[in-house]
Amino acid sequence: MIQPVKDTYRFDLAHGQYLRIRRLGWLFFLALIVTAIVGICCGAALWTTYVHQFTLYLKWQDALVALSWFISFISILGSVLVVRFLYALRAGRTAGMVTFEGNDTIIVRDLSAENMKSIFWIMNSAFWCFVTALVGLVPAILVGWTMHIPSPVLMVITTGLALILSLAGIVVSIVAVSFILVGCLGGISFCRKLGSSHTYRLNGQATIRIDNFVLTITYPGHPESLVDLNLLSTEDQRQLLSLLHTRWVDAKQVWNPTLGEEIEQALAASQRLVGVA
């Protein structure tokens, strides 16, 4: 705990936790960069294997090139999010993960490694949306094959069926692509908020809970914050919980009537960890 000015208490991310999460972040970043490079190279290599002429149907090679380059695209975006999180992680180590200002203000950062899982699942959702878009275009790829069927009658029938299916597939593809575009716009907001600090007024509108050593703060009109207390040193955990209990009592227990019991359970869990260590 650091007390830069009177009535201000700052709790920084524990050094060991900082090194662990930073190491995981850089490994994730390197994996994304390698994936992006492999995707670009695979797409470029495949691009040179076929003739590029305009056709009324989609070539299967075009679909594979698009998939390779899209994987590179989401990998690059994911690496940007990881760098943003590592920057916030550094701020949590030097500028505080949890800060009490006076008796009625708390500033917190969510620096859990779970943020990197969130980045992965965002990328995973974008990938499967793009796969869905490609699946919707499969009938348009089949047109290129049905047009070369030797039998004229069979060629007309199969090409007509493929064209009809293409119309339905295009609708599916448009919907999937729209999800990707919306996700990209939402990713901008997610990037800004990733590991950023949130300030809450500790009044009757705030709700604070502690469950499984995770401090949860909700406030109308503000995003919910989850703070993993395991990221603090054992001494800082006890001091933070004691300060929180004091402020909860001073606030006449309006944040959460059962918060006192939750704090006592968290303190007992912290004491058990010290005994095990």
Protein backbone atom coordinates (compact mmCIF):
# COMPACT_ATOMS: atom_id res chain seq x y z
CA MET A 1 0.00 0.00 0.00
CA ILE A 2 1.18 3.53 -0.86
CA GLN A 3 -0.23 6.70 0.66
CA PRO A 4 0.80 9.54 -1.72
CA VAL A 5 -1.38 12.14 0.02
CA LYS A 6 -3.55 12.25 3.11
CA ASP A 7 -6.69 10.07 2.99
CA THR A 8 -5.52 8.46 -0.27
CA TYR A 9 -4.50 4.79 -0.28
CA ARG A 10 -3.09 3.17 -3.42
CA PHE A 11 -2.70 -0.58 -3.91
CA ASP A 12 -0.41 -1.61 -6.75
CA LEU A 13 -0.39 -4.87 -8.66
CA ALA A 14 1.91 -7.36 -6.88
CA HIS A 15 5.29 -7.67 -8.59
CA GLY A 16 5.08 -11.45 -9.00
CA GLN A 17 1.59 -11.26 -10.50
CA TYR A 18 2.70 -8.43 -12.76
CA LEU A 19 5.58 -10.51 -14.14
CA ARG A 20 3.35 -13.57 -14.61
CA ILE A 21 0.59 -11.76 -16.49
CA ARG A 22 3.07 -9.74 -18.54
CA ARG A 23 4.84 -12.94 -19.57
CA LEU A 24 1.54 -14.52 -20.62
CA GLY A 25 0.63 -11.35 -22.53
CA TRP A 26 3.87 -11.28 -24.50
CA LEU A 27 3.58 -14.99 -25.32
CA PHE A 28 0.05 -14.39 -26.57
CA PHE A 29 1.25 -11.39 -28.57
CA LEU A 30 4.07 -13.38 -30.23
CA ALA A 31 1.67 -16.23 -31.05
CA LEU A 32 -0.69 -13.75 -32.74
CA ILE A 33 2.14 -12.15 -34.74
CA VAL A 34 3.35 -15.58 -35.94
CA THR A 35 -0.23 -16.51 -36.88
CA ALA A 36 -0.62 -13.25 -38.81
CA ILE A 37 2.63 -13.83 -40.73
CA VAL A 38 1.71 -17.45 -41.55
CA GLY A 39 -1.74 -16.36 -42.74
CA ILE A 40 -0.30 -13.65 -44.99
CA CYS A 41 2.29 -16.02 -46.45
CA CYS A 42 -0.25 -18.82 -47.07
CA GLY A 43 -2.65 -16.42 -48.76
CA ALA A 44 0.12 -14.92 -50.92
CA ALA A 45 1.39 -18.38 -51.91
CA LEU A 46 -2.10 -19.56 -52.85
CA TRP A 47 -2.75 -16.35 -54.80
CA THR A 48 -0.02 -17.29 -57.29
CA THR A 49 -1.42 -20.78 -58.01
CA TYR A 50 -4.40 -19.83 -60.19
CA VAL A 51 -5.45 -17.42 -62.93
CA HIS A 52 -7.19 -14.23 -61.86
CA GLN A 53 -9.96 -13.62 -64.36
CA PHE A 54 -13.40 -12.19 -63.72
CA THR A 55 -16.09 -14.86 -63.44
CA LEU A 56 -19.74 -14.85 -62.45
CA TYR A 57 -18.99 -17.39 -59.76
CA LEU A 58 -16.60 -17.56 -56.81
CA LYS A 59 -13.43 -19.61 -57.08
CA TRP A 60 -12.66 -21.88 -54.16
CA GLN A 61 -9.10 -20.53 -54.17
CA ASP A 62 -10.47 -17.03 -53.59
CA ALA A 63 -12.32 -18.31 -50.53
CA LEU A 64 -9.16 -19.87 -49.08
CA VAL A 65 -7.11 -16.72 -49.77
CA ALA A 66 -9.78 -14.59 -48.09
CA LEU A 67 -9.83 -16.94 -45.08
CA SER A 68 -6.03 -16.85 -44.74
CA TRP A 69 -5.89 -13.09 -44.90
CA PHE A 70 -8.84 -12.68 -42.54
CA ILE A 71 -7.04 -14.84 -39.97
CA SER A 72 -4.06 -12.48 -40.34
CA PHE A 73 -6.40 -9.50 -39.97
CA ILE A 74 -7.98 -10.66 -36.71
CA SER A 75 -4.57 -11.74 -35.40
CA ILE A 76 -3.21 -8.23 -35.95
CA LEU A 77 -6.25 -6.69 -34.27
CA GLY A 78 -5.86 -9.14 -31.39
CA SER A 79 -2.19 -8.18 -31.00
CA VAL A 80 -3.24 -4.52 -30.77
CA LEU A 81 -5.65 -5.41 -27.95
CA VAL A 82 -2.92 -7.36 -26.15
CA VAL A 83 -0.54 -4.39 -26.36
CA ARG A 84 -3.30 -2.16 -24.99
CA PHE A 85 -3.79 -4.55 -22.07
CA LEU A 86 -0.04 -4.72 -21.39
CA TYR A 87 0.04 -0.92 -21.27
CA ALA A 88 -2.82 -0.95 -18.72
CA LEU A 89 -1.00 -3.67 -16.80
CA ARG A 90 2.05 -1.44 -16.53
CA ALA A 91 -0.16 1.39 -15.28
CA GLY A 92 -1.62 -0.95 -12.66
CA ARG A 93 1.89 -1.65 -11.43
CA THR A 94 3.03 1.99 -11.32
CA ALA A 95 -0.18 4.01 -10.85
CA GLY A 96 -2.28 1.64 -8.78
CA MET A 97 -4.80 -1.15 -9.33
CA VAL A 98 -7.12 -0.01 -6.53
CA THR A 99 -7.10 3.50 -5.05
CA PHE A 100 -9.22 4.93 -2.24
CA GLU A 101 -9.57 8.72 -2.38
CA GLY A 102 -11.08 10.13 0.78
CA ASN A 103 -14.05 8.29 2.20
CA ASP A 104 -16.31 8.28 -0.83
CA THR A 105 -14.30 7.49 -3.97
CA ILE A 106 -12.66 4.33 -5.27
CA ILE A 107 -10.67 3.91 -8.50
CA VAL A 108 -10.13 0.38 -9.84
CA ARG A 109 -8.60 -1.44 -12.80
CA ASP A 110 -9.48 -4.93 -14.00
CA LEU A 111 -6.04 -6.43 -14.73
CA SER A 112 -6.91 -10.10 -14.52
CA ALA A 113 -5.40 -12.49 -17.08
CA GLU A 114 -9.02 -13.29 -17.96
CA ASN A 115 -8.88 -10.19 -20.16
CA MET A 116 -6.67 -12.13 -22.58
CA LYS A 117 -9.30 -14.87 -22.70
CA SER A 118 -11.82 -12.21 -23.63
CA ILE A 119 -9.55 -11.10 -26.48
CA PHE A 120 -9.28 -14.71 -27.68
CA TRP A 121 -13.05 -15.25 -27.62
CA ILE A 122 -13.65 -12.02 -29.53
CA MET A 123 -11.25 -13.26 -32.21
CA ASN A 124 -12.88 -16.69 -32.14
CA SER A 125 -16.34 -15.17 -32.70
CA ALA A 126 -15.06 -13.06 -35.61
CA PHE A 127 -13.41 -16.13 -37.17
CA TRP A 128 -16.57 -18.23 -37.08
CA CYS A 129 -18.67 -15.36 -38.41
CA PHE A 130 -16.30 -15.17 -41.39
CA VAL A 131 -16.47 -18.95 -41.85
CA THR A 132 -20.26 -18.66 -41.85
CA ALA A 133 -20.00 -15.96 -44.52
CA LEU A 134 -17.85 -18.27 -46.66
CA VAL A 135 -20.25 -21.19 -46.14
CA GLY A 136 -23.04 -18.95 -47.40
CA LEU A 137 -21.01 -18.45 -50.59
CA VAL A 138 -20.42 -22.17 -51.18
CA PRO A 139 -23.32 -22.41 -53.71
CA ALA A 140 -21.65 -19.61 -55.69
CA ILE A 141 -18.49 -21.74 -55.77
CA LEU A 142 -20.51 -24.77 -56.98
CA VAL A 143 -21.67 -22.77 -60.00
CA GLY A 144 -18.11 -22.90 -61.34
CA TRP A 145 -18.26 -26.70 -61.27
CA THR A 146 -21.82 -27.24 -62.47
CA MET A 147 -21.19 -25.10 -65.56
CA HIS A 148 -18.63 -27.66 -66.74
CA ILE A 149 -20.91 -30.71 -66.50
CA PRO A 150 -20.89 -32.47 -69.93
CA SER A 151 -24.64 -33.12 -70.03
CA PRO A 152 -26.46 -29.89 -71.06
CA VAL A 153 -29.69 -30.85 -69.28
CA LEU A 154 -27.92 -31.78 -66.04
CA MET A 155 -25.76 -28.67 -66.31
CA VAL A 156 -28.80 -26.38 -66.58
CA ILE A 157 -30.62 -28.07 -63.69
CA THR A 158 -27.66 -28.13 -61.30
CA THR A 159 -26.56 -24.60 -62.20
CA GLY A 160 -30.10 -23.31 -61.64
CA LEU A 161 -30.28 -25.00 -58.24
CA ALA A 162 -26.88 -23.60 -57.30
CA LEU A 163 -27.96 -20.09 -58.31
CA ILE A 164 -31.13 -20.37 -56.21
CA LEU A 165 -29.10 -21.57 -53.22
CA SER A 166 -26.63 -18.75 -53.86
CA LEU A 167 -29.35 -16.16 -53.23
CA ALA A 168 -30.11 -17.65 -49.81
CA GLY A 169 -26.40 -18.03 -49.11
CA ILE A 170 -25.71 -14.40 -49.94
CA VAL A 171 -28.27 -13.36 -47.32
CA VAL A 172 -26.49 -15.53 -44.74
CA SER A 173 -23.14 -14.05 -45.76
CA ILE A 174 -24.41 -10.47 -45.51
CA VAL A 175 -25.74 -11.12 -42.00
CA ALA A 176 -22.44 -12.74 -40.93
CA VAL A 177 -20.37 -9.87 -42.37
CA SER A 178 -22.62 -7.33 -40.64
CA PHE A 179 -21.88 -9.08 -37.32
CA ILE A 180 -18.17 -8.76 -38.05
CA LEU A 181 -18.50 -5.04 -38.81
CA VAL A 182 -20.52 -4.44 -35.65
CA GLY A 183 -17.92 -6.42 -33.71
CA CYS A 184 -15.11 -4.27 -35.13
CA LEU A 185 -16.92 -1.12 -34.02
CA GLY A 186 -17.52 -2.62 -30.59
CA GLY A 187 -13.86 -3.64 -30.47
CA ILE A 188 -12.85 0.03 -30.51
CA SER A 189 -14.82 0.66 -27.31
CA PHE A 190 -13.52 -2.59 -25.82
CA CYS A 191 -9.93 -1.54 -26.59
CA ARG A 192 -10.43 1.79 -24.80
CA LYS A 193 -11.92 0.17 -21.72
CA LEU A 194 -9.49 -2.78 -21.56
CA GLY A 195 -7.67 -2.46 -18.25
CA SER A 196 -8.61 1.22 -17.96
CA SER A 197 -9.37 2.81 -14.59
CA HIS A 198 -12.96 3.37 -13.46
CA THR A 199 -13.97 5.79 -10.74
CA TYR A 200 -16.97 5.14 -8.49
CA ARG A 201 -18.61 7.26 -5.81
CA LEU A 202 -19.19 5.21 -2.68
CA ASN A 203 -22.73 6.28 -1.94
CA GLY A 204 -26.14 4.68 -1.75
CA GLN A 205 -26.14 3.92 -5.49
CA ALA A 206 -22.97 1.82 -5.42
CA THR A 207 -23.17 -1.94 -4.92
CA ILE A 208 -20.06 -3.80 -3.79
CA ARG A 209 -19.71 -7.57 -3.47
CA ILE A 210 -16.86 -9.98 -2.80
CA ASP A 211 -17.17 -13.50 -4.17
CA ASN A 212 -14.31 -15.98 -4.60
CA PHE A 213 -11.87 -13.21 -3.77
CA VAL A 214 -13.17 -11.06 -6.65
CA LEU A 215 -14.33 -7.54 -5.79
CA THR A 216 -17.33 -6.54 -7.92
CA ILE A 217 -18.47 -2.92 -8.14
CA THR A 218 -21.64 -1.83 -9.93
CA TYR A 219 -22.94 1.69 -10.28
CA PRO A 220 -25.80 3.07 -12.40
CA GLY A 221 -24.55 4.51 -15.68
CA HIS A 222 -21.05 3.02 -15.22
CA PRO A 223 -19.56 -0.27 -16.43
CA GLU A 224 -19.30 -3.06 -13.90
CA SER A 225 -15.77 -3.65 -12.61
CA LEU A 226 -14.29 -6.94 -11.47
CA VAL A 227 -11.09 -6.77 -9.42
CA ASP A 228 -9.23 -9.99 -8.67
CA LEU A 229 -7.83 -9.46 -5.17
CA ASN A 230 -5.40 -12.34 -5.75
CA LEU A 231 -3.35 -9.92 -7.86
CA LEU A 232 -2.42 -7.95 -4.74
CA SER A 233 0.20 -8.92 -2.19
CA THR A 234 -1.10 -10.65 0.94
CA GLU A 235 -0.43 -7.58 3.09
CA ASP A 236 -2.20 -5.30 0.62
CA GLN A 237 -5.16 -7.67 0.52
CA ARG A 238 -5.66 -7.39 4.28
CA GLN A 239 -5.19 -3.63 4.31
CA LEU A 240 -7.58 -3.11 1.42
CA LEU A 241 -10.25 -5.31 3.00
CA SER A 242 -9.85 -3.50 6.31
CA LEU A 243 -10.21 -0.10 4.65
CA LEU A 244 -13.21 -1.31 2.71
CA HIS A 245 -14.84 -2.60 5.90
CA THR A 246 -14.22 0.73 7.66
CA ARG A 247 -15.77 2.70 4.80
CA TRP A 248 -18.69 0.27 4.60
CA VAL A 249 -19.43 0.84 8.28
CA ASP A 250 -19.05 4.63 7.90
CA ALA A 251 -21.45 4.51 4.93
CA LYS A 252 -24.03 2.78 7.15
CA GLN A 253 -23.77 -0.47 5.16
CA VAL A 254 -25.78 0.88 2.21
CA TRP A 255 -23.55 -0.69 -0.48
CA ASN A 256 -24.43 -4.26 0.45
CA PRO A 257 -25.88 -5.43 3.80
CA THR A 258 -23.88 -8.67 3.69
CA LEU A 259 -20.58 -7.07 2.67
CA GLY A 260 -19.21 -7.32 6.22
CA GLU A 261 -19.59 -11.12 6.16
CA GLU A 262 -18.03 -11.29 2.70
CA ILE A 263 -15.05 -9.23 3.88
CA GLU A 264 -14.59 -11.48 6.91
CA GLN A 265 -14.63 -14.57 4.67
CA ALA A 266 -12.10 -12.96 2.33
CA LEU A 267 -9.84 -12.06 5.26
CA ALA A 268 -10.07 -15.61 6.57
CA ALA A 269 -9.19 -16.96 3.11
CA SER A 270 -6.22 -14.60 2.90
CA GLN A 271 -5.04 -15.75 6.34
CA ARG A 272 -5.31 -19.40 5.29
CA LEU A 273 -3.17 -18.69 2.23
CA VAL A 274 -0.53 -17.12 4.46
CA GLY A 275 -0.59 -20.21 6.67
CA VAL A 276 -0.22 -22.51 3.68
CA ALA A 277 2.66 -20.41 2.32
